[in-house]
Protein backbone atom coordinates (compact mmCIF):
# COMPACT_ATOMS: atom_id res chain seq x y z
CA MET A 1 20.20 28.09 -5.24
CA VAL A 2 18.84 25.04 -7.17
CA ARG A 3 22.39 23.51 -8.02
CA LEU A 4 23.09 23.40 -4.15
CA SER A 5 19.50 21.71 -4.05
CA LYS A 6 20.33 19.18 -6.34
CA TRP A 7 24.41 18.56 -5.29
CA LEU A 8 22.41 18.40 -1.94
CA LEU A 9 20.18 15.47 -2.25
CA LYS A 10 22.81 13.44 -3.87
CA GLU A 11 24.68 14.10 -1.58
CA ALA A 12 22.19 13.02 0.52
CA GLY A 13 22.12 9.74 -1.42
CA THR A 14 19.33 7.14 -1.19
CA GLY A 15 19.29 6.26 2.67
CA VAL A 16 17.02 7.27 4.92
CA ASN A 17 17.91 8.45 8.78
CA LYS A 18 17.60 5.58 11.43
CA THR A 19 15.40 7.59 13.12
CA LEU A 20 13.24 8.59 10.77
CA SER A 21 13.07 5.03 10.25
CA GLU A 22 12.21 3.77 14.00
CA ILE A 23 9.09 6.39 13.66
CA LEU A 24 7.14 6.05 10.78
CA VAL A 25 5.20 3.30 9.92
CA CYS A 26 2.77 1.57 7.07
CA PRO A 27 0.63 3.94 6.65
CA LEU A 28 -1.83 1.02 5.39
CA SER A 29 -1.44 -0.92 8.39
CA LYS A 30 0.25 1.47 10.97
CA GLN A 31 2.91 -1.64 11.25
CA ALA A 32 6.66 -1.03 11.21
CA LEU A 33 8.27 -0.11 8.78
CA ARG A 34 11.61 -2.19 7.65
CA VAL A 35 14.53 -0.47 5.83
CA CYS A 36 16.01 -2.02 2.57
CA GLU A 37 18.73 -1.13 0.51
CA GLU A 38 17.99 -2.42 -3.15
CA PRO A 39 15.79 -0.69 -4.76
CA PRO A 40 15.47 1.40 -2.04
CA SER A 41 12.26 1.56 -0.28
CA LEU A 42 9.95 0.91 3.18
CA ILE A 43 8.64 -2.88 3.44
CA SER A 44 6.38 -3.27 5.27
CA ASP A 45 6.13 -7.08 5.93
CA SER A 46 2.88 -7.49 8.18
CA ILE A 47 0.49 -7.08 4.71
CA GLY A 48 3.16 -7.47 1.48
CA VAL A 49 4.17 -3.79 0.99
CA SER A 50 7.38 -2.09 -0.14
CA PHE A 51 7.24 1.89 -0.86
CA PRO A 52 10.33 3.36 -2.00
CA ILE A 53 12.25 6.60 -1.23
CA LYS A 54 12.89 9.05 -3.86
CA ASP A 55 16.09 11.35 -3.03
CA GLY A 56 16.12 10.18 0.07
CA ILE A 57 12.39 10.82 0.57
CA PRO A 58 10.07 8.39 1.35
CA CYS A 59 6.43 8.51 -0.55
CA LEU A 60 4.38 7.00 1.59
CA VAL A 61 0.98 7.28 0.08
CA PRO A 62 -1.10 3.74 -0.62
CA THR A 63 -0.72 4.17 -4.17
CA ASP A 64 2.94 4.67 -4.47
CA GLY A 65 3.48 0.93 -2.24
CA LYS A 66 3.53 -2.41 -4.55
CA ILE A 67 2.44 -5.98 -3.66
CA LEU A 68 5.25 -8.61 -3.11
CA ASP A 69 5.64 -11.79 -4.27
CA THR A 70 5.78 -14.38 -1.80
CA ASP A 71 9.44 -14.54 -3.68
CA ASP A 72 10.61 -11.82 -2.27
CA THR A 73 9.87 -11.68 0.89
CA MET A 74 10.99 -16.07 1.51
CA LYS A 75 14.84 -14.94 -0.18
CA HIS A 76 14.07 -11.30 2.88
CA ASP A 77 13.60 -14.52 5.47
CA ASN A 78 15.90 -16.72 4.15
CA ALA A 79 19.25 -13.70 3.83
CA ALA A 80 17.79 -13.59 7.90
CA ASP A 81 18.53 -16.44 9.04
CA ASP A 82 21.38 -17.30 7.21
CA SER A 83 22.77 -13.06 9.16
CA ALA A 84 21.38 -14.82 12.17
CA ASN A 85 23.74 -18.37 12.15
CA ASN A 86 26.93 -16.11 10.45
CA LYS A 87 26.98 -14.11 14.12
């Protein structure tokens, strides 16, 4: 049974179900979270905090959150602008 569970977790990857990501909110600001692929995390843009995703499970305990550098948010903004301009 344990082997099956480990295999299922491995097959699930680090992604979060799209429906689940639409429901989850930041535990601190109560605002929507953005999914980040690398590293797997949920980001609260409103307060600049990143919450890790471990084995496909979002860790939304406030003490698990990491404050993002302004450089990290600038990279995301530039990437979003680039993708919007390419459409």
